[in-house]
Amino acid sequence: MRLKNKSVVITGGAGGIGLATAKKMLEEGAAGILLVDLSEDALKEATAEIDSDKVHYISADVTKNDDVKKYTDKAIELFKKIDVLFLNAGIEGVVKPIEEYPEEIFDKVMNVNVKGVWLGMKHAFPHMKKNGGGSIMITSSVAGLQGTPNVSAYVTSKHATIGAMKVGALEGAADKVRVNTIHPSPVDNRMMRSLEEGFAPGGGEEAKKGFEQMIPLGRYANNEEIADLALFLASDDSKFITGAQYVIDGGLTT
């Protein structure tokens, strides 16, 4: 029971990685979990699937200061503390070269993937410091470690999360607030279906085969494998780990 008596907040909580993580953390003894996502309908489906009175939800836009304060306040209202914050909400944008990339979509990707992380830390830090520490995990990507043509907004945003993490790790260390990033290769979920179609319109299956051939282990990760890593970083098993970039990519960036 690695998360016994710990309270958890997960943004992007209704998505594949978020939901898989919530399930694993519940199995590992989490005292309470708050799922945060933009769609209330998706959140209702997610909580119904988990079916536990320890799992709660709140609809919020992670790009808006008032909404982030709202979900943080809700967690404190429910659990009196925040031990674990998984800043997992993210969007992929579109697949287009820089000169054709729509500015409004670039701004949206940066707002969700970067500002959403910054606001999450901004509002959680005071509570975690008061509580004697905590663990923050940020979902980045292998795209945060290297370049990929035609997804400039996504790649830029995922590099930026590393900078946010490093500052957060240094600012939180004195109060035992740990901050780390998770860097998956392609994960077999909705986001990759969108990117496959973007890279090869009408030929998503062929795009997937091409991506898989680039991964030494020969396949995509699944949501549960990313959740396993998030669980480790949330638990006291990683209590001396902060400021780290955890790559989970089947050897892709080797």
Protein backbone atom coordinates (compact mmCIF):
# COMPACT_ATOMS: atom_id res chain seq x y z
CA MET A 1 0.00 0.00 0.00
CA ARG A 2 2.52 2.57 -1.21
CA LEU A 3 0.09 5.50 -1.10
CA LYS A 4 -1.59 4.72 2.20
CA ASN A 5 -3.14 7.88 3.72
CA LYS A 6 -2.03 10.01 0.75
CA SER A 7 -4.35 12.37 -1.12
CA VAL A 8 -3.95 12.72 -4.87
CA VAL A 9 -4.93 15.23 -7.56
CA ILE A 10 -4.69 14.21 -11.23
CA THR A 11 -5.22 16.65 -14.08
CA GLY A 12 -6.22 15.14 -17.38
CA GLY A 13 -7.84 12.67 -15.04
CA ALA A 14 -10.47 11.41 -17.48
CA GLY A 15 -7.90 10.52 -20.17
CA GLY A 16 -6.10 7.24 -20.69
CA ILE A 17 -3.00 7.86 -18.56
CA GLY A 18 -4.88 9.81 -15.91
CA LEU A 19 -7.56 7.17 -15.44
CA ALA A 20 -5.06 4.29 -15.39
CA THR A 21 -3.02 6.15 -12.77
CA ALA A 22 -6.06 6.80 -10.60
CA LYS A 23 -6.89 3.09 -10.63
CA LYS A 24 -3.37 2.06 -9.64
CA MET A 25 -3.12 4.68 -6.92
CA LEU A 26 -6.45 3.58 -5.48
CA GLU A 27 -5.21 -0.03 -5.41
CA GLU A 28 -2.10 1.18 -3.59
CA GLY A 29 -4.11 2.70 -0.76
CA ALA A 30 -4.67 6.34 -1.73
CA ALA A 31 -6.98 7.91 0.83
CA GLY A 32 -8.65 10.12 -1.77
CA ILE A 33 -8.27 11.03 -5.42
CA LEU A 34 -9.55 14.12 -7.21
CA LEU A 35 -9.80 13.83 -11.00
CA VAL A 36 -9.60 17.11 -12.89
CA ASP A 37 -10.55 17.49 -16.54
CA LEU A 38 -12.29 19.90 -18.88
CA SER A 39 -15.23 17.64 -19.76
CA GLU A 40 -17.68 16.90 -16.97
CA ASP A 41 -19.24 14.09 -19.02
CA ALA A 42 -15.84 12.40 -19.40
CA LEU A 43 -15.21 12.80 -15.68
CA LYS A 44 -18.56 11.21 -14.84
CA GLU A 45 -17.72 8.25 -17.06
CA ALA A 46 -14.27 7.90 -15.48
CA THR A 47 -15.53 7.97 -11.89
CA ALA A 48 -18.32 5.56 -12.78
CA GLU A 49 -15.74 3.17 -14.23
CA ILE A 50 -13.61 3.30 -11.07
CA ASP A 51 -16.69 3.14 -8.82
CA SER A 52 -15.18 4.15 -5.48
CA ASP A 53 -16.32 6.68 -2.91
CA LYS A 54 -12.66 7.70 -2.55
CA VAL A 55 -12.60 9.11 -6.09
CA HIS A 56 -14.04 12.56 -6.75
CA TYR A 57 -14.03 14.85 -9.77
CA ILE A 58 -14.19 18.50 -10.71
CA SER A 59 -14.40 20.12 -14.12
CA ALA A 60 -11.73 22.80 -14.61
CA ASP A 61 -9.73 24.54 -17.31
CA VAL A 62 -6.07 24.17 -16.34
CA THR A 63 -5.15 27.31 -18.31
CA LYS A 64 -7.23 29.58 -16.09
CA ASN A 65 -5.93 30.75 -12.72
CA ASP A 66 -9.38 30.78 -11.08
CA ASP A 67 -10.11 27.23 -12.25
CA VAL A 68 -6.78 25.91 -10.96
CA LYS A 69 -7.44 27.60 -7.63
CA LYS A 70 -10.89 26.00 -7.71
CA TYR A 71 -9.60 22.46 -8.10
CA THR A 72 -6.85 23.04 -5.53
CA ASP A 73 -9.38 24.41 -3.03
CA LYS A 74 -11.66 21.45 -3.74
CA ALA A 75 -8.87 19.01 -2.91
CA ILE A 76 -8.20 20.79 0.38
CA GLU A 77 -11.92 20.82 1.16
CA LEU A 78 -12.15 17.07 0.50
CA PHE A 79 -8.85 15.81 1.91
CA LYS A 80 -7.44 18.68 4.03
CA LYS A 81 -4.11 18.26 2.21
CA ILE A 82 -2.46 17.46 -1.14
CA ASP A 83 0.26 14.83 -1.01
CA VAL A 84 0.50 14.04 -4.71
CA LEU A 85 -0.17 16.23 -7.74
CA PHE A 86 0.02 14.61 -11.17
CA LEU A 87 0.06 17.42 -13.75
CA ASN A 88 -0.93 15.22 -16.64
CA ALA A 89 -3.30 17.38 -18.72
CA GLY A 90 -1.97 17.97 -22.21
CA ILE A 91 -2.95 18.42 -25.85
CA GLU A 92 -1.12 17.64 -29.06
CA GLY A 93 -2.13 20.47 -31.36
CA VAL A 94 -1.94 19.81 -35.11
CA VAL A 95 0.63 18.40 -37.51
CA LYS A 96 1.85 21.21 -39.77
CA PRO A 97 5.19 22.82 -40.65
CA ILE A 98 6.14 25.97 -38.75
CA GLU A 99 5.26 28.34 -41.57
CA GLU A 100 1.71 26.90 -41.75
CA TYR A 101 1.14 26.33 -38.04
CA PRO A 102 -1.91 28.31 -36.79
CA GLU A 103 -0.90 30.83 -34.13
CA GLU A 104 -4.08 30.28 -32.13
CA ILE A 105 -3.39 26.54 -31.87
CA PHE A 106 0.22 27.19 -30.88
CA ASP A 107 -1.05 29.47 -28.09
CA LYS A 108 -3.59 26.87 -26.95
CA VAL A 109 -0.99 24.10 -26.76
CA MET A 110 1.39 26.30 -24.78
CA ASN A 111 -1.39 27.38 -22.43
CA VAL A 112 -2.51 23.84 -21.61
CA ASN A 113 0.86 22.09 -21.59
CA VAL A 114 3.00 24.81 -19.98
CA LYS A 115 0.82 27.37 -18.23
CA GLY A 116 -1.34 24.56 -16.85
CA VAL A 117 1.74 23.04 -15.23
CA TRP A 118 2.96 26.37 -13.88
CA LEU A 119 -0.43 27.24 -12.39
CA GLY A 120 -0.72 23.78 -10.87
CA MET A 121 2.57 24.19 -9.03
CA LYS A 122 1.78 27.78 -8.09
CA HIS A 123 -1.39 26.80 -6.25
CA ALA A 124 -0.25 23.46 -4.82
CA PHE A 125 3.08 24.62 -3.42
CA PRO A 126 1.70 26.54 -0.40
CA HIS A 127 -0.40 23.55 0.69
CA MET A 128 2.36 21.00 0.16
CA LYS A 129 4.89 23.14 2.02
CA LYS A 130 2.46 23.57 4.92
CA ASN A 131 1.87 19.81 4.93
CA GLY A 132 5.59 18.99 5.18
CA GLY A 133 6.17 18.02 1.57
CA GLY A 134 4.69 16.20 -1.38
CA SER A 135 5.35 14.84 -4.85
CA ILE A 136 4.55 16.56 -8.13
CA MET A 137 4.85 14.66 -11.40
CA ILE A 138 4.58 16.37 -14.78
CA THR A 139 3.76 14.49 -17.96
CA SER A 140 6.26 15.62 -20.57
CA SER A 141 7.24 13.41 -23.53
CA VAL A 142 10.21 12.14 -25.49
CA ALA A 143 9.25 15.19 -27.58
CA GLY A 144 10.64 17.23 -24.69
CA LEU A 145 14.07 15.66 -25.23
CA GLN A 146 14.46 15.88 -28.99
CA GLY A 147 12.98 17.49 -32.08
CA THR A 148 10.25 16.17 -34.37
CA PRO A 149 9.28 18.00 -37.56
CA ASN A 150 5.78 19.44 -37.99
CA VAL A 151 4.72 19.43 -34.32
CA SER A 152 6.47 22.63 -33.22
CA ALA A 153 3.95 23.62 -30.56
CA TYR A 154 3.92 20.21 -28.89
CA VAL A 155 7.70 19.82 -28.94
CA THR A 156 8.25 23.36 -27.66
CA SER A 157 5.75 22.89 -24.84
CA LYS A 158 7.21 19.59 -23.72
CA HIS A 159 10.71 21.06 -23.58
CA ALA A 160 9.30 23.91 -21.50
CA THR A 161 7.88 21.54 -18.89
CA ILE A 162 11.43 20.45 -18.08
CA GLY A 163 12.41 24.02 -17.24
CA ALA A 164 9.33 24.42 -15.07
CA MET A 165 10.12 21.14 -13.32
CA LYS A 166 13.73 22.08 -12.59
CA VAL A 167 12.76 25.42 -11.05
CA GLY A 168 9.98 23.75 -9.06
CA ALA A 169 12.35 21.07 -7.78
CA LEU A 170 14.83 23.68 -6.56
CA GLU A 171 12.20 25.93 -5.00
CA GLY A 172 10.43 23.03 -3.32
CA ALA A 173 13.42 21.13 -2.00
CA ALA A 174 13.78 22.94 1.31
CA ASP A 175 10.17 22.04 2.13
CA LYS A 176 10.42 18.44 0.84
CA VAL A 177 8.28 19.13 -2.21
CA ARG A 178 9.64 16.92 -5.00
CA VAL A 179 9.06 17.65 -8.70
CA ASN A 180 9.90 15.30 -11.59
CA THR A 181 8.98 14.85 -15.24
CA ILE A 182 7.81 11.71 -17.05
CA HIS A 183 8.80 11.31 -20.71
CA PRO A 184 6.82 8.64 -22.56
CA SER A 185 7.37 7.55 -26.12
CA PRO A 186 4.13 7.03 -28.09
CA VAL A 187 1.41 5.64 -25.85
CA ASP A 188 -1.43 3.58 -27.29
CA ASN A 189 -4.26 6.02 -26.64
CA ARG A 190 -6.37 8.80 -28.15
CA MET A 191 -3.55 11.32 -28.53
CA MET A 192 -1.52 8.97 -30.71
CA ARG A 193 -4.54 8.20 -32.90
CA SER A 194 -4.78 11.94 -33.52
CA LEU A 195 -1.06 12.31 -34.27
CA GLU A 196 -1.00 9.23 -36.52
CA GLU A 197 -3.81 10.69 -38.59
CA GLY A 198 -2.04 14.05 -38.64
CA PHE A 199 1.21 12.58 -39.95
CA ALA A 200 -0.53 10.28 -42.46
CA PRO A 201 -4.10 11.44 -43.24
CA GLY A 202 -6.18 8.36 -43.99
CA GLY A 203 -3.23 6.11 -43.17
CA GLY A 204 -3.06 6.09 -39.41
CA GLU A 205 -2.36 2.36 -39.15
CA GLU A 206 0.65 2.65 -41.43
CA ALA A 207 1.90 5.63 -39.42
CA LYS A 208 1.62 3.55 -36.27
CA LYS A 209 3.69 0.75 -37.80
CA GLY A 210 6.34 3.28 -38.74
CA PHE A 211 6.50 4.69 -35.22
CA GLU A 212 6.68 1.20 -33.72
CA GLN A 213 9.61 0.31 -35.96
CA MET A 214 11.53 3.25 -34.46
CA ILE A 215 11.13 1.86 -30.91
CA PRO A 216 13.70 -0.84 -30.01
CA LEU A 217 11.13 -2.76 -27.95
CA GLY A 218 8.91 -2.75 -31.01
CA ARG A 219 5.67 -1.35 -29.64
CA TYR A 220 3.91 1.59 -28.04
CA ALA A 221 3.69 1.92 -24.28
CA ASN A 222 0.30 1.39 -22.71
CA ASN A 223 -1.42 3.67 -20.22
CA GLU A 224 -0.81 1.31 -17.32
CA GLU A 225 2.96 1.33 -17.84
CA ILE A 226 3.05 5.11 -17.57
CA ALA A 227 0.83 4.84 -14.50
CA ASP A 228 3.34 2.46 -12.89
CA LEU A 229 6.05 5.11 -13.20
CA ALA A 230 3.76 7.85 -11.87
CA LEU A 231 2.95 5.63 -8.89
CA PHE A 232 6.65 5.12 -8.13
CA LEU A 233 7.34 8.88 -8.24
CA ALA A 234 4.28 9.58 -6.08
CA SER A 235 5.34 7.11 -3.41
CA ASP A 236 8.01 7.23 -0.73
CA ASP A 237 9.98 4.71 -2.80
CA SER A 238 11.27 7.78 -4.65
CA LYS A 239 11.69 10.05 -1.62
CA PHE A 240 15.25 11.10 -2.59
CA ILE A 241 14.37 11.79 -6.22
CA THR A 242 13.64 15.32 -7.42
CA GLY A 243 14.55 17.37 -10.47
CA ALA A 244 14.75 14.19 -12.57
CA GLN A 245 13.64 13.38 -16.10
CA TYR A 246 12.22 9.86 -16.23
CA VAL A 247 12.27 8.45 -19.75
CA ILE A 248 9.86 5.58 -20.45
CA ASP A 249 10.24 4.99 -24.17
CA GLY A 250 11.14 1.39 -25.01
CA GLY A 251 14.63 2.56 -25.94
CA LEU A 252 13.50 5.16 -28.49
CA THR A 253 15.88 7.92 -27.34
CA THR A 254 18.83 5.57 -26.69
